[in-house]
C-alpha atoms as a PDB file:
ATOM      1  CA  MET A   1     154.150 137.819 195.090  1.00  0.00           C
ATOM      2  CA  ASN A   2     150.638 138.809 196.072  1.00  0.00           C
ATOM      3  CA  PHE A   3     148.412 135.883 195.131  1.00  0.00           C
ATOM      4  CA  CYS A   4     148.602 132.106 195.304  1.00  0.00           C
ATOM      5  CA  SER A   5     149.224 130.402 191.954  1.00  0.00           C
ATOM      6  CA  ASN A   6     147.299 127.390 193.302  1.00  0.00           C
ATOM      7  CA  CYS A   7     143.987 128.984 194.384  1.00  0.00           C
ATOM      8  CA  GLY A   8     144.275 132.738 193.759  1.00  0.00           C
ATOM      9  CA  ALA A   9     143.969 133.820 197.401  1.00  0.00           C
ATOM     10  CA  ARG A  10     146.301 136.357 198.998  1.00  0.00           C
ATOM     11  CA  VAL A  11     149.675 135.210 200.290  1.00  0.00           C
ATOM     12  CA  VAL A  12     151.660 136.458 203.258  1.00  0.00           C
ATOM     13  CA  LYS A  13     155.356 136.186 203.930  1.00  0.00           C
ATOM     14  CA  LYS A  14     156.082 134.101 207.011  1.00  0.00           C
ATOM     15  CA  ILE A  15     158.231 131.233 208.220  1.00  0.00           C
ATOM     16  CA  PRO A  16     156.209 128.030 207.743  1.00  0.00           C
ATOM     17  CA  PRO A  17     156.302 125.308 210.408  1.00  0.00           C
ATOM     18  CA  ASP A  18     159.462 123.160 210.199  1.00  0.00           C
ATOM     19  CA  ASP A  19     161.210 125.776 208.024  1.00  0.00           C
ATOM     20  CA  ASP A  20     163.792 128.442 208.779  1.00  0.00           C
ATOM     21  CA  GLN A  21     163.233 130.878 205.893  1.00  0.00           C
ATOM     22  CA  PRO A  22     160.448 133.371 205.261  1.00  0.00           C
ATOM     23  CA  ARG A  23     158.264 132.118 202.386  1.00  0.00           C
ATOM     24  CA  PHE A  24     155.111 133.259 200.656  1.00  0.00           C
ATOM     25  CA  VAL A  25     152.291 131.179 202.159  1.00  0.00           C
ATOM     26  CA  CYS A  26     148.699 131.145 200.958  1.00  0.00           C
ATOM     27  CA  GLN A  27     146.212 132.215 203.637  1.00  0.00           C
ATOM     28  CA  ALA A  28     143.487 129.971 202.177  1.00  0.00           C
ATOM     29  CA  CYS A  29     145.050 126.689 200.987  1.00  0.00           C
ATOM     30  CA  GLN A  30     148.337 126.941 202.959  1.00  0.00           C
ATOM     31  CA  THR A  31     150.469 126.320 199.841  1.00  0.00           C
ATOM     32  CA  VAL A  32     154.070 127.347 200.466  1.00  0.00           C
ATOM     33  CA  HIS A  33     155.568 129.151 197.450  1.00  0.00           C
ATOM     34  CA  TYR A  34     159.318 128.561 197.325  1.00  0.00           C
ATOM     35  CA  GLN A  35     161.460 131.034 195.445  1.00  0.00           C
ATOM     36  CA  ASN A  36     164.817 129.638 194.429  1.00  0.00           C
ATOM     37  CA  PRO A  37     167.784 130.899 192.410  1.00  0.00           C
ATOM     38  CA  LYS A  38     167.581 130.899 188.617  1.00  0.00           C
ATOM     39  CA  MET A  39     169.942 128.602 186.756  1.00  0.00           C
ATOM     40  CA  VAL A  40     171.892 130.380 184.016  1.00  0.00           C
ATOM     41  CA  VAL A  41     173.562 128.036 181.529  1.00  0.00           C
ATOM     42  CA  GLY A  42     176.082 128.916 178.878  1.00  0.00           C
ATOM     43  CA  CYS A  43     179.325 128.111 177.177  1.00  0.00           C
ATOM     44  CA  ILE A  44     182.726 129.344 176.130  1.00  0.00           C
ATOM     45  CA  PRO A  45     182.706 128.703 172.357  1.00  0.00           C
ATOM     46  CA  GLU A  46     186.249 127.920 171.212  1.00  0.00           C
ATOM     47  CA  ARG A  47     187.627 127.969 167.682  1.00  0.00           C
ATOM     48  CA  GLY A  48     191.384 127.520 167.679  1.00  0.00           C
ATOM     49  CA  ASP A  49     192.819 130.116 170.029  1.00  0.00           C
ATOM     50  CA  LYS A  50     189.767 132.387 169.808  1.00  0.00           C
ATOM     51  CA  ILE A  51     186.525 132.716 171.773  1.00  0.00           C
ATOM     52  CA  LEU A  52     183.137 133.638 170.320  1.00  0.00           C
ATOM     53  CA  LEU A  53     181.431 136.563 172.065  1.00  0.00           C
ATOM     54  CA  CYS A  54     178.041 138.184 171.479  1.00  0.00           C
ATOM     55  CA  ARG A  55     177.160 141.882 171.738  1.00  0.00           C
ATOM     56  CA  ARG A  56     173.799 141.973 173.523  1.00  0.00           C
ATOM     57  CA  ALA A  57     170.718 143.195 171.644  1.00  0.00           C
ATOM     58  CA  ILE A  58     168.572 142.921 174.775  1.00  0.00           C
ATOM     59  CA  GLU A  59     168.512 144.346 178.274  1.00  0.00           C
ATOM     60  CA  PRO A  60     170.036 144.130 180.727  1.00  0.00           C
ATOM     61  CA  ARG A  61     173.362 145.516 179.499  1.00  0.00           C
ATOM     62  CA  TYR A  62     172.297 146.207 175.916  1.00  0.00           C
ATOM     63  CA  GLY A  63     175.351 146.698 173.669  1.00  0.00           C
ATOM     64  CA  PHE A  64     177.807 144.970 175.987  1.00  0.00           C
ATOM     65  CA  TRP A  65     179.687 141.764 175.157  1.00  0.00           C
ATOM     66  CA  THR A  66     178.993 138.387 176.729  1.00  0.00           C
ATOM     67  CA  LEU A  67     179.393 134.672 176.297  1.00  0.00           C
ATOM     68  CA  PRO A  68     176.236 132.946 175.063  1.00  0.00           C
ATOM     69  CA  ALA A  69     174.172 132.129 178.147  1.00  0.00           C
ATOM     70  CA  GLY A  70     170.647 132.303 179.503  1.00  0.00           C
ATOM     71  CA  TYR A  71     168.079 130.712 181.739  1.00  0.00           C
ATOM     72  CA  LEU A  72     167.704 126.956 181.813  1.00  0.00           C
ATOM     73  CA  GLU A  73     164.248 125.847 180.666  1.00  0.00           C
ATOM     74  CA  ASN A  74     162.160 123.118 182.252  1.00  0.00           C
ATOM     75  CA  GLY A  75     162.577 119.794 180.478  1.00  0.00           C
ATOM     76  CA  GLU A  76     166.137 120.282 179.248  1.00  0.00           C
ATOM     77  CA  THR A  77     169.508 119.218 180.602  1.00  0.00           C
ATOM     78  CA  VAL A  78     172.106 121.803 181.535  1.00  0.00           C
ATOM     79  CA  ALA A  79     174.171 120.885 178.446  1.00  0.00           C
ATOM     80  CA  GLU A  80     171.089 121.067 176.186  1.00  0.00           C
ATOM     81  CA  GLY A  81     170.240 124.488 177.606  1.00  0.00           C
ATOM     82  CA  SER A  82     173.801 125.690 176.983  1.00  0.00           C
ATOM     83  CA  ALA A  83     173.645 124.530 173.348  1.00  0.00           C
ATOM     84  CA  ARG A  84     170.195 126.101 172.865  1.00  0.00           C
ATOM     85  CA  GLU A  85     171.314 129.438 174.291  1.00  0.00           C
ATOM     86  CA  ALA A  86     174.410 129.415 172.070  1.00  0.00           C
ATOM     87  CA  LEU A  87     172.290 128.737 168.987  1.00  0.00           C
ATOM     88  CA  GLU A  88     169.777 131.464 169.947  1.00  0.00           C
ATOM     89  CA  GLU A  89     172.509 134.044 170.495  1.00  0.00           C
ATOM     90  CA  THR A  90     175.026 133.148 167.770  1.00  0.00           C
ATOM     91  CA  GLY A  91     173.114 131.164 165.154  1.00  0.00           C
ATOM     92  CA  ALA A  92     175.805 128.476 165.422  1.00  0.00           C
ATOM     93  CA  GLY A  93     175.879 124.916 166.669  1.00  0.00           C
ATOM     94  CA  MET A  94     178.200 123.945 169.511  1.00  0.00           C
ATOM     95  CA  ASP A  95     179.745 120.730 170.702  1.00  0.00           C
ATOM     96  CA  ILE A  96     179.254 121.170 174.450  1.00  0.00           C
ATOM     97  CA  GLY A  97     182.229 119.804 176.363  1.00  0.00           C
ATOM     98  CA  ASP A  98     183.169 119.711 180.017  1.00  0.00           C
ATOM     99  CA  LEU A  99     181.598 121.801 182.752  1.00  0.00           C
ATOM    100  CA  PHE A 100     184.063 124.609 183.418  1.00  0.00           C
ATOM    101  CA  ALA A 101     182.627 126.901 186.108  1.00  0.00           C
ATOM    102  CA  ILE A 102     179.860 127.044 188.701  1.00  0.00           C
ATOM    103  CA  LEU A 103     179.459 130.613 189.907  1.00  0.00           C
ATOM    104  CA  THR A 104     176.930 131.835 192.465  1.00  0.00           C
ATOM    105  CA  LEU A 105     175.574 135.382 192.310  1.00  0.00           C
ATOM    106  CA  ILE A 106     173.740 135.739 195.623  1.00  0.00           C
ATOM    107  CA  GLU A 107     172.817 139.383 194.942  1.00  0.00           C
ATOM    108  CA  VAL A 108     170.670 138.512 191.895  1.00  0.00           C
ATOM    109  CA  HIS A 109     169.672 134.964 192.934  1.00  0.00           C
ATOM    110  CA  GLN A 110     171.456 133.193 190.071  1.00  0.00           C
ATOM    111  CA  VAL A 111     173.778 130.230 189.649  1.00  0.00           C
ATOM    112  CA  TYR A 112     175.862 130.151 186.452  1.00  0.00           C
ATOM    113  CA  LEU A 113     176.868 126.805 184.939  1.00  0.00           C
ATOM    114  CA  MET A 114     179.381 127.453 182.159  1.00  0.00           C
ATOM    115  CA  TYR A 115     180.770 124.793 179.797  1.00  0.00           C
ATOM    116  CA  ARG A 116     183.669 124.722 177.398  1.00  0.00           C
ATOM    117  CA  ALA A 117     182.388 124.200 173.860  1.00  0.00           C
ATOM    118  CA  VAL A 118     183.712 123.823 170.335  1.00  0.00           C
ATOM    119  CA  LEU A 119     182.177 126.117 167.728  1.00  0.00           C
ATOM    120  CA  LEU A 120     180.910 123.755 165.002  1.00  0.00           C
ATOM    121  CA  ASP A 121     179.761 126.243 162.364  1.00  0.00           C
ATOM    122  CA  GLN A 122     181.571 128.903 160.378  1.00  0.00           C
ATOM    123  CA  ASP A 123     178.171 130.457 159.787  1.00  0.00           C
ATOM    124  CA  TYR A 124     177.515 132.474 162.943  1.00  0.00           C
ATOM    125  CA  GLY A 125     176.211 135.984 163.281  1.00  0.00           C
ATOM    126  CA  PRO A 126     173.730 138.394 164.811  1.00  0.00           C
ATOM    127  CA  THR A 127     170.366 137.106 165.998  1.00  0.00           C
ATOM    128  CA  LYS A 128     167.379 138.775 167.654  1.00  0.00           C
ATOM    129  CA  GLU A 129     169.373 138.565 170.907  1.00  0.00           C
ATOM    130  CA  SER A 130     172.783 139.697 169.565  1.00  0.00           C
ATOM    131  CA  LEU A 131     173.792 142.839 167.694  1.00  0.00           C
ATOM    132  CA  GLU A 132     177.124 141.330 166.703  1.00  0.00           C
ATOM    133  CA  VAL A 133     178.877 137.976 167.096  1.00  0.00           C
ATOM    134  CA  ARG A 134     182.645 137.816 166.765  1.00  0.00           C
ATOM    135  CA  LEU A 135     185.695 135.686 167.474  1.00  0.00           C
ATOM    136  CA  PHE A 136     188.256 137.265 169.810  1.00  0.00           C
ATOM    137  CA  SER A 137     191.798 136.321 170.717  1.00  0.00           C
ATOM    138  CA  GLU A 138     192.714 136.809 174.375  1.00  0.00           C
ATOM    139  CA  GLU A 139     194.430 140.095 173.541  1.00  0.00           C
ATOM    140  CA  GLU A 140     191.348 141.400 171.717  1.00  0.00           C
ATOM    141  CA  ILE A 141     188.791 140.742 174.498  1.00  0.00           C
ATOM    142  CA  PRO A 142     186.978 144.064 175.226  1.00  0.00           C
ATOM    143  CA  TRP A 143     187.288 143.675 179.012  1.00  0.00           C
ATOM    144  CA  ASP A 144     185.733 147.082 179.787  1.00  0.00           C
ATOM    145  CA  GLU A 145     182.717 146.197 177.657  1.00  0.00           C
ATOM    146  CA  ILE A 146     181.930 142.781 179.172  1.00  0.00           C
ATOM    147  CA  ALA A 147     178.294 142.774 180.322  1.00  0.00           C
ATOM    148  CA  PHE A 148     178.442 140.811 183.571  1.00  0.00           C
ATOM    149  CA  SER A 149     180.938 140.128 186.369  1.00  0.00           C
ATOM    150  CA  SER A 150     180.178 136.400 186.086  1.00  0.00           C
ATOM    151  CA  ILE A 151     181.260 136.429 182.434  1.00  0.00           C
ATOM    152  CA  LYS A 152     184.423 138.412 183.226  1.00  0.00           C
ATOM    153  CA  GLU A 153     185.308 135.867 185.901  1.00  0.00           C
ATOM    154  CA  THR A 154     184.593 132.932 183.581  1.00  0.00           C
ATOM    155  CA  LEU A 155     186.843 134.426 180.898  1.00  0.00           C
ATOM    156  CA  ARG A 156     189.574 135.247 183.424  1.00  0.00           C
ATOM    157  CA  LEU A 157     189.574 131.661 184.703  1.00  0.00           C
ATOM    158  CA  TYR A 158     189.463 130.261 181.173  1.00  0.00           C
ATOM    159  CA  PHE A 159     192.524 132.205 179.975  1.00  0.00           C
ATOM    160  CA  GLN A 160     194.360 131.451 183.229  1.00  0.00           C
ATOM    161  CA  ASP A 161     193.767 127.714 182.742  1.00  0.00           C
ATOM    162  CA  ARG A 162     194.605 127.855 179.042  1.00  0.00           C
ATOM    163  CA  ALA A 163     197.971 129.432 179.871  1.00  0.00           C
ATOM    164  CA  LYS A 164     198.661 126.515 182.246  1.00  0.00           C
ATOM    165  CA  GLY A 165     197.772 124.026 179.529  1.00  0.00           C
ATOM    166  CA  ARG A 166     195.054 122.306 181.554  1.00  0.00           C
ATOM    167  CA  PHE A 167     191.474 123.114 182.466  1.00  0.00           C
ATOM    168  CA  ALA A 168     189.935 122.585 185.898  1.00  0.00           C
ATOM    169  CA  LEU A 169     186.389 122.811 187.199  1.00  0.00           C
ATOM    170  CA  HIS A 170     185.979 126.113 189.025  1.00  0.00           C
ATOM    171  CA  GLN A 171     183.439 127.119 191.621  1.00  0.00           C
ATOM    172  CA  GLY A 172     182.999 130.369 193.433  1.00  0.00           C
ATOM    173  CA  THR A 173     180.844 133.295 194.433  1.00  0.00           C
ATOM    174  CA  ILE A 174     180.759 136.588 192.570  1.00  0.00           C
ATOM    175  CA  PRO A 175     180.834 139.485 195.071  1.00  0.00           C
ATOM    176  CA  PRO A 176     177.876 141.885 195.042  1.00  0.00           C
ATOM    177  CA  THR A 177     178.181 144.797 192.622  1.00  0.00           C
ATOM    178  CA  GLY A 178     175.422 146.937 194.081  1.00  0.00           C
ATOM    179  CA  ARG A 179     173.801 146.907 190.612  1.00  0.00           C
ATOM    180  CA  LYS A 180     170.750 144.668 190.254  1.00  0.00           C
END
């Protein structure tokens, strides 16, 4: 950040009074510009014993598989954002269920909030964000082609819980990959 979004003057990085973190502070109007993690919301679309995955048509990780997920928008709830992202990436409606996982990715400043969801439509398919959309059984999951470590962990936890016959709320931190 170089300029203040409030007045347009230059900003400097410093620790403001009564704070303990370096922040961008405007030299002219003294506005403190906080930078916080992005909220990524998504779901695990279930149909019977299969999960709906999307092959990404956008960077990062073009061509790799993922669960439908993306950034939460201002003015929407976490569940609404999860349903919107699923519709944008699969063309299908979802019945968003229980929160399943909260995963922190410190390296890329993101927090993932992933829900279980029931796939409502038979009519799903590629969108501008997905090259391909397909149902997978656990045995068919293309583990080496999963786009993000957070999605791999979500799927791992999901299938682990499903095998136990009960689902829990999971929280954790994804270790740094060295790839930003």
